């Protein structure tokens, strides 16, 4: 949440923790909420201190690495994709295995 462009909710979705945390808030599970809040607070404070130190001592390299992370992650978060291969599990549910990022102007709206 320190780096621009990616929301905390999207990170939870990528990590597969969004549903569990959403259920914890819905069921008012204090233990899970406090564990999440504590981890978020410790992570935010420690990462911000680390970034401050890195920018103070290695400004240009740190900026280049963070920019590379942001540009490198664009393929993962790019919403317009064409599915090249599918996998069907034992219950008959299809999931995408190999996808290719495409231009939003050539996207036809189908997920197939």
N, C-alpha and C. Protein backbone atom coordinates (compact mmCIF):
# COMPACT_ATOMS: atom_id res chain seq x y z
N UNK A 1 0.82 -1.18 0.00
CA UNK A 1 0.00 0.00 0.00
C UNK A 1 0.87 1.26 0.00
N UNK A 2 2.15 1.08 0.14
CA UNK A 2 3.05 2.23 0.06
C UNK A 2 3.32 2.57 -1.39
N UNK A 3 3.44 1.57 -2.23
CA UNK A 3 3.72 1.80 -3.65
C UNK A 3 2.42 2.12 -4.37
N UNK A 4 2.46 3.06 -5.31
CA UNK A 4 1.23 3.46 -6.00
C UNK A 4 0.74 2.42 -7.00
N UNK A 5 -0.58 2.42 -7.20
CA UNK A 5 -1.17 1.62 -8.26
C UNK A 5 -1.80 0.32 -7.84
N UNK A 6 -1.46 -0.19 -6.66
CA UNK A 6 -2.02 -1.46 -6.21
C UNK A 6 -2.71 -1.23 -4.87
N UNK A 7 -3.99 -1.56 -4.79
CA UNK A 7 -4.72 -1.37 -3.54
C UNK A 7 -4.49 -2.55 -2.60
N UNK A 8 -4.77 -2.33 -1.34
CA UNK A 8 -4.65 -3.39 -0.35
C UNK A 8 -5.61 -4.54 -0.62
N UNK A 9 -6.81 -4.21 -1.07
CA UNK A 9 -7.79 -5.26 -1.37
C UNK A 9 -7.30 -6.14 -2.52
N UNK A 10 -6.67 -5.52 -3.52
CA UNK A 10 -6.17 -6.30 -4.65
C UNK A 10 -5.03 -7.22 -4.20
N UNK A 11 -4.18 -6.75 -3.31
CA UNK A 11 -3.10 -7.59 -2.78
C UNK A 11 -3.70 -8.77 -2.01
N UNK A 12 -4.76 -8.53 -1.24
CA UNK A 12 -5.42 -9.62 -0.53
C UNK A 12 -6.01 -10.64 -1.51
N UNK A 13 -6.55 -10.17 -2.62
CA UNK A 13 -7.09 -11.09 -3.63
C UNK A 13 -5.97 -11.93 -4.23
N UNK A 14 -4.84 -11.28 -4.57
CA UNK A 14 -3.71 -12.01 -5.15
C UNK A 14 -3.19 -13.06 -4.17
N UNK A 15 -3.14 -12.71 -2.89
CA UNK A 15 -2.65 -13.64 -1.87
C UNK A 15 -3.68 -14.71 -1.49
N UNK A 16 -4.92 -14.53 -1.93
CA UNK A 16 -5.97 -15.49 -1.61
C UNK A 16 -6.52 -15.32 -0.20
N UNK A 17 -6.32 -14.15 0.40
CA UNK A 17 -6.76 -13.92 1.78
C UNK A 17 -7.99 -13.01 1.86
N UNK A 18 -8.48 -12.54 0.74
CA UNK A 18 -9.60 -11.59 0.76
C UNK A 18 -10.86 -12.21 1.35
N UNK A 19 -11.20 -13.41 0.91
CA UNK A 19 -12.42 -14.08 1.39
C UNK A 19 -12.34 -14.35 2.88
N UNK A 20 -11.19 -14.85 3.35
CA UNK A 20 -11.03 -15.16 4.77
C UNK A 20 -11.16 -13.89 5.62
N UNK A 21 -10.55 -12.81 5.16
CA UNK A 21 -10.63 -11.56 5.93
C UNK A 21 -12.02 -10.95 5.85
N UNK A 22 -12.66 -11.05 4.69
CA UNK A 22 -14.03 -10.57 4.55
C UNK A 22 -14.97 -11.35 5.47
N UNK A 23 -14.78 -12.66 5.53
CA UNK A 23 -15.59 -13.48 6.44
C UNK A 23 -15.32 -13.12 7.90
N UNK A 24 -14.06 -12.82 8.23
CA UNK A 24 -13.71 -12.45 9.61
C UNK A 24 -14.41 -11.15 10.00
N UNK A 25 -14.48 -10.19 9.09
CA UNK A 25 -15.19 -8.94 9.40
C UNK A 25 -16.70 -9.18 9.47
N UNK A 26 -17.22 -10.02 8.59
CA UNK A 26 -18.65 -10.32 8.61
C UNK A 26 -19.06 -11.04 9.89
N UNK A 27 -18.24 -12.01 10.31
CA UNK A 27 -18.54 -12.78 11.52
C UNK A 27 -18.02 -12.11 12.79
N UNK A 28 -17.37 -10.95 12.63
CA UNK A 28 -16.77 -10.20 13.73
C UNK A 28 -15.82 -11.08 14.55
N UNK A 29 -14.92 -11.76 13.85
CA UNK A 29 -13.91 -12.61 14.46
C UNK A 29 -12.73 -11.73 14.90
N UNK A 30 -12.78 -11.34 16.17
CA UNK A 30 -11.80 -10.39 16.72
C UNK A 30 -10.38 -10.89 16.57
N UNK A 31 -10.15 -12.17 16.79
CA UNK A 31 -8.80 -12.73 16.74
C UNK A 31 -8.19 -12.53 15.35
N UNK A 32 -8.91 -12.92 14.30
CA UNK A 32 -8.40 -12.77 12.94
C UNK A 32 -8.24 -11.30 12.56
N UNK A 33 -9.16 -10.45 12.98
CA UNK A 33 -9.07 -9.03 12.67
C UNK A 33 -7.85 -8.41 13.32
N UNK A 34 -7.59 -8.74 14.60
CA UNK A 34 -6.42 -8.20 15.29
C UNK A 34 -5.12 -8.74 14.71
N UNK A 35 -5.10 -10.00 14.32
CA UNK A 35 -3.90 -10.56 13.69
C UNK A 35 -3.61 -9.83 12.38
N UNK A 36 -4.66 -9.61 11.57
CA UNK A 36 -4.47 -8.89 10.32
C UNK A 36 -4.03 -7.45 10.58
N UNK A 37 -4.70 -6.76 11.51
CA UNK A 37 -4.36 -5.36 11.79
C UNK A 37 -2.94 -5.24 12.34
N UNK A 38 -2.56 -6.16 13.22
CA UNK A 38 -1.20 -6.14 13.76
C UNK A 38 -0.16 -6.39 12.68
N UNK A 39 -0.41 -7.37 11.82
CA UNK A 39 0.51 -7.65 10.73
C UNK A 39 0.60 -6.50 9.74
N UNK A 40 -0.54 -5.88 9.45
CA UNK A 40 -0.54 -4.73 8.54
C UNK A 40 0.23 -3.57 9.14
N UNK A 41 0.05 -3.32 10.43
CA UNK A 41 0.76 -2.22 11.09
C UNK A 41 2.26 -2.47 11.14
N UNK A 42 2.66 -3.66 11.55
CA UNK A 42 4.09 -4.00 11.60
C UNK A 42 4.70 -3.95 10.20
N UNK A 43 4.02 -4.51 9.22
CA UNK A 43 4.53 -4.50 7.84
C UNK A 43 4.64 -3.10 7.28
N UNK A 44 3.64 -2.27 7.52
CA UNK A 44 3.65 -0.91 7.01
C UNK A 44 4.78 -0.09 7.63
N UNK A 45 4.92 -0.18 8.94
CA UNK A 45 5.97 0.58 9.62
C UNK A 45 7.37 0.10 9.24
N UNK A 46 7.57 -1.21 9.23
CA UNK A 46 8.91 -1.72 8.91
C UNK A 46 9.27 -1.44 7.45
N UNK A 47 8.32 -1.60 6.53
CA UNK A 47 8.62 -1.35 5.12
C UNK A 47 8.87 0.13 4.87
N UNK A 48 8.13 1.01 5.55
CA UNK A 48 8.35 2.44 5.35
C UNK A 48 9.71 2.86 5.90
N UNK A 49 10.13 2.28 7.03
CA UNK A 49 11.47 2.59 7.56
C UNK A 49 12.56 2.05 6.64
N UNK A 50 12.36 0.87 6.12
CA UNK A 50 13.32 0.30 5.18
C UNK A 50 13.43 1.16 3.91
N UNK A 51 12.29 1.57 3.37
CA UNK A 51 12.31 2.43 2.18
C UNK A 51 12.98 3.77 2.47
N UNK A 52 12.73 4.34 3.65
CA UNK A 52 13.37 5.61 4.02
C UNK A 52 14.88 5.45 4.06
N UNK A 53 15.36 4.36 4.66
CA UNK A 53 16.80 4.12 4.73
C UNK A 53 17.39 3.89 3.34
N UNK A 54 16.70 3.09 2.53
CA UNK A 54 17.19 2.83 1.18
C UNK A 54 17.25 4.10 0.33
N UNK A 55 16.22 4.93 0.42
CA UNK A 55 16.23 6.18 -0.34
C UNK A 55 17.33 7.12 0.14
N UNK A 56 17.61 7.10 1.44
CA UNK A 56 18.66 7.98 1.98
C UNK A 56 20.05 7.54 1.51
N UNK A 57 20.29 6.23 1.46
CA UNK A 57 21.62 5.73 1.14
C UNK A 57 21.80 5.33 -0.33
N UNK A 58 20.75 4.87 -0.98
CA UNK A 58 20.83 4.37 -2.35
C UNK A 58 19.65 4.87 -3.17
N UNK A 59 19.52 6.18 -3.30
CA UNK A 59 18.33 6.79 -3.90
C UNK A 59 18.06 6.30 -5.33
N UNK A 60 19.03 6.43 -6.21
CA UNK A 60 18.81 6.10 -7.62
C UNK A 60 18.56 4.61 -7.85
N UNK A 61 19.32 3.77 -7.16
CA UNK A 61 19.13 2.32 -7.31
C UNK A 61 17.76 1.90 -6.77
N UNK A 62 17.38 2.45 -5.62
CA UNK A 62 16.07 2.12 -5.03
C UNK A 62 14.94 2.56 -5.95
N UNK A 63 15.05 3.74 -6.51
CA UNK A 63 14.02 4.22 -7.43
C UNK A 63 13.94 3.34 -8.67
N UNK A 64 15.09 2.92 -9.18
CA UNK A 64 15.10 2.05 -10.36
C UNK A 64 14.48 0.69 -10.05
N UNK A 65 14.80 0.12 -8.90
CA UNK A 65 14.25 -1.20 -8.52
C UNK A 65 12.74 -1.11 -8.32
N UNK A 66 12.27 -0.10 -7.61
CA UNK A 66 10.82 0.05 -7.39
C UNK A 66 10.07 0.30 -8.69
N UNK A 67 10.65 1.08 -9.57
CA UNK A 67 10.03 1.30 -10.88
C UNK A 67 9.99 0.00 -11.67
N UNK A 68 11.05 -0.79 -11.59
CA UNK A 68 11.07 -2.09 -12.26
C UNK A 68 10.01 -3.03 -11.71
N UNK A 69 9.82 -3.02 -10.38
CA UNK A 69 8.76 -3.85 -9.79
C UNK A 69 7.39 -3.45 -10.31
N UNK A 70 7.15 -2.15 -10.39
CA UNK A 70 5.84 -1.67 -10.85
C UNK A 70 5.62 -2.04 -12.32
N UNK A 71 6.62 -1.77 -13.17
CA UNK A 71 6.48 -2.14 -14.58
C UNK A 71 6.42 -3.65 -14.78
N UNK A 72 7.18 -4.39 -13.99
CA UNK A 72 7.19 -5.85 -14.10
C UNK A 72 5.88 -6.49 -13.69
N UNK A 73 5.15 -5.85 -12.78
CA UNK A 73 3.89 -6.41 -12.31
C UNK A 73 2.72 -6.07 -13.22
N UNK A 74 2.93 -5.21 -14.19
CA UNK A 74 1.82 -4.82 -15.06
C UNK A 74 1.18 -6.00 -15.78
N UNK A 75 1.98 -6.97 -16.20
CA UNK A 75 1.42 -8.12 -16.90
C UNK A 75 0.49 -8.93 -15.98
N UNK A 76 0.81 -8.99 -14.71
CA UNK A 76 -0.02 -9.75 -13.77
C UNK A 76 -1.36 -9.07 -13.50
N UNK A 77 -1.35 -7.74 -13.41
CA UNK A 77 -2.57 -7.01 -13.08
C UNK A 77 -3.30 -6.48 -14.31
N UNK A 78 -2.76 -6.72 -15.50
CA UNK A 78 -3.40 -6.26 -16.73
C UNK A 78 -4.76 -6.94 -16.90
N UNK A 79 -5.84 -6.19 -17.00
CA UNK A 79 -7.17 -6.81 -17.01
C UNK A 79 -7.59 -7.41 -18.35
N UNK A 80 -6.99 -6.98 -19.45
CA UNK A 80 -7.40 -7.47 -20.77
C UNK A 80 -6.49 -8.61 -21.19
N UNK A 81 -7.03 -9.82 -21.13
CA UNK A 81 -6.25 -11.02 -21.46
C UNK A 81 -7.06 -11.93 -22.38
N UNK A 82 -6.33 -12.66 -23.19
CA UNK A 82 -6.93 -13.69 -24.03
C UNK A 82 -6.42 -15.03 -23.51
N UNK A 83 -7.33 -15.93 -23.21
CA UNK A 83 -6.96 -17.23 -22.68
C UNK A 83 -6.54 -18.15 -23.82
N UNK A 84 -5.34 -18.71 -23.69
CA UNK A 84 -4.80 -19.59 -24.73
C UNK A 84 -5.08 -21.06 -24.41
N UNK A 85 -4.96 -21.45 -23.15
CA UNK A 85 -5.25 -22.84 -22.76
C UNK A 85 -6.07 -22.87 -21.48
N UNK A 86 -6.89 -23.90 -21.38
CA UNK A 86 -7.78 -24.09 -20.23
C UNK A 86 -7.47 -25.41 -19.55
N UNK A 87 -7.84 -25.50 -18.28
CA UNK A 87 -7.77 -26.76 -17.53
C UNK A 87 -9.16 -27.02 -16.97
N UNK A 88 -9.65 -28.22 -17.13
CA UNK A 88 -10.94 -28.60 -16.56
C UNK A 88 -10.68 -29.58 -15.42
N UNK A 89 -11.17 -29.22 -14.21
CA UNK A 89 -10.92 -30.09 -13.06
C UNK A 89 -11.94 -31.23 -13.04
N UNK A 90 -11.88 -32.08 -12.02
CA UNK A 90 -12.73 -33.26 -11.94
C UNK A 90 -14.21 -32.93 -11.80
N UNK A 91 -14.53 -31.70 -11.39
CA UNK A 91 -15.92 -31.28 -11.24
C UNK A 91 -16.45 -30.59 -12.50
N UNK A 92 -15.60 -30.50 -13.54
CA UNK A 92 -16.02 -29.89 -14.78
C UNK A 92 -15.88 -28.37 -14.82
N UNK A 93 -15.19 -27.81 -13.85
CA UNK A 93 -15.01 -26.36 -13.80
C UNK A 93 -13.74 -25.99 -14.56
N UNK A 94 -13.90 -25.06 -15.52
CA UNK A 94 -12.76 -24.63 -16.33
C UNK A 94 -12.03 -23.48 -15.66
N UNK A 95 -10.70 -23.50 -15.74
CA UNK A 95 -9.89 -22.39 -15.26
C UNK A 95 -8.78 -22.13 -16.27
N UNK A 96 -8.42 -20.87 -16.39
CA UNK A 96 -7.39 -20.48 -17.36
C UNK A 96 -6.02 -20.95 -16.89
N UNK A 97 -5.24 -21.51 -17.80
CA UNK A 97 -3.88 -21.95 -17.49
C UNK A 97 -2.88 -20.98 -18.08
N UNK A 98 -3.04 -20.64 -19.35
CA UNK A 98 -2.10 -19.76 -20.04
C UNK A 98 -2.89 -18.62 -20.67
N UNK A 99 -2.51 -17.40 -20.30
CA UNK A 99 -3.18 -16.22 -20.84
C UNK A 99 -2.17 -15.29 -21.48
N UNK A 100 -2.66 -14.50 -22.43
CA UNK A 100 -1.83 -13.53 -23.13
C UNK A 100 -2.47 -12.15 -22.95
N UNK A 101 -1.67 -11.17 -22.54
CA UNK A 101 -2.18 -9.80 -22.41
C UNK A 101 -2.39 -9.22 -23.80
N UNK A 102 -3.52 -8.53 -23.96
CA UNK A 102 -3.84 -7.93 -25.25
C UNK A 102 -4.21 -6.46 -25.05
N UNK A 103 -4.30 -5.74 -26.13
CA UNK A 103 -4.67 -4.33 -26.10
C UNK A 103 -6.15 -4.20 -25.72
N UNK A 104 -6.50 -3.17 -24.94
CA UNK A 104 -7.93 -2.99 -24.63
C UNK A 104 -8.76 -2.69 -25.87
N UNK A 105 -8.13 -2.20 -26.94
CA UNK A 105 -8.86 -1.89 -28.16
C UNK A 105 -9.20 -3.14 -28.96
N UNK A 106 -8.46 -4.24 -28.75
CA UNK A 106 -8.76 -5.48 -29.46
C UNK A 106 -9.50 -6.47 -28.57
N UNK A 107 -9.85 -6.09 -27.36
CA UNK A 107 -10.58 -6.98 -26.45
C UNK A 107 -12.03 -7.00 -26.86
N UNK A 108 -12.59 -8.21 -27.05
CA UNK A 108 -13.97 -8.32 -27.52
C UNK A 108 -14.97 -8.52 -26.38
N UNK A 109 -14.53 -8.58 -25.15
CA UNK A 109 -15.43 -8.71 -24.02
C UNK A 109 -15.64 -10.14 -23.57
N UNK A 110 -15.23 -11.12 -24.35
CA UNK A 110 -15.37 -12.51 -23.97
C UNK A 110 -14.18 -12.95 -23.12
N UNK A 111 -14.44 -13.79 -22.12
CA UNK A 111 -13.35 -14.29 -21.30
C UNK A 111 -12.75 -15.54 -21.89
N UNK A 112 -13.33 -16.07 -22.95
CA UNK A 112 -12.81 -17.30 -23.57
C UNK A 112 -11.63 -17.02 -24.44
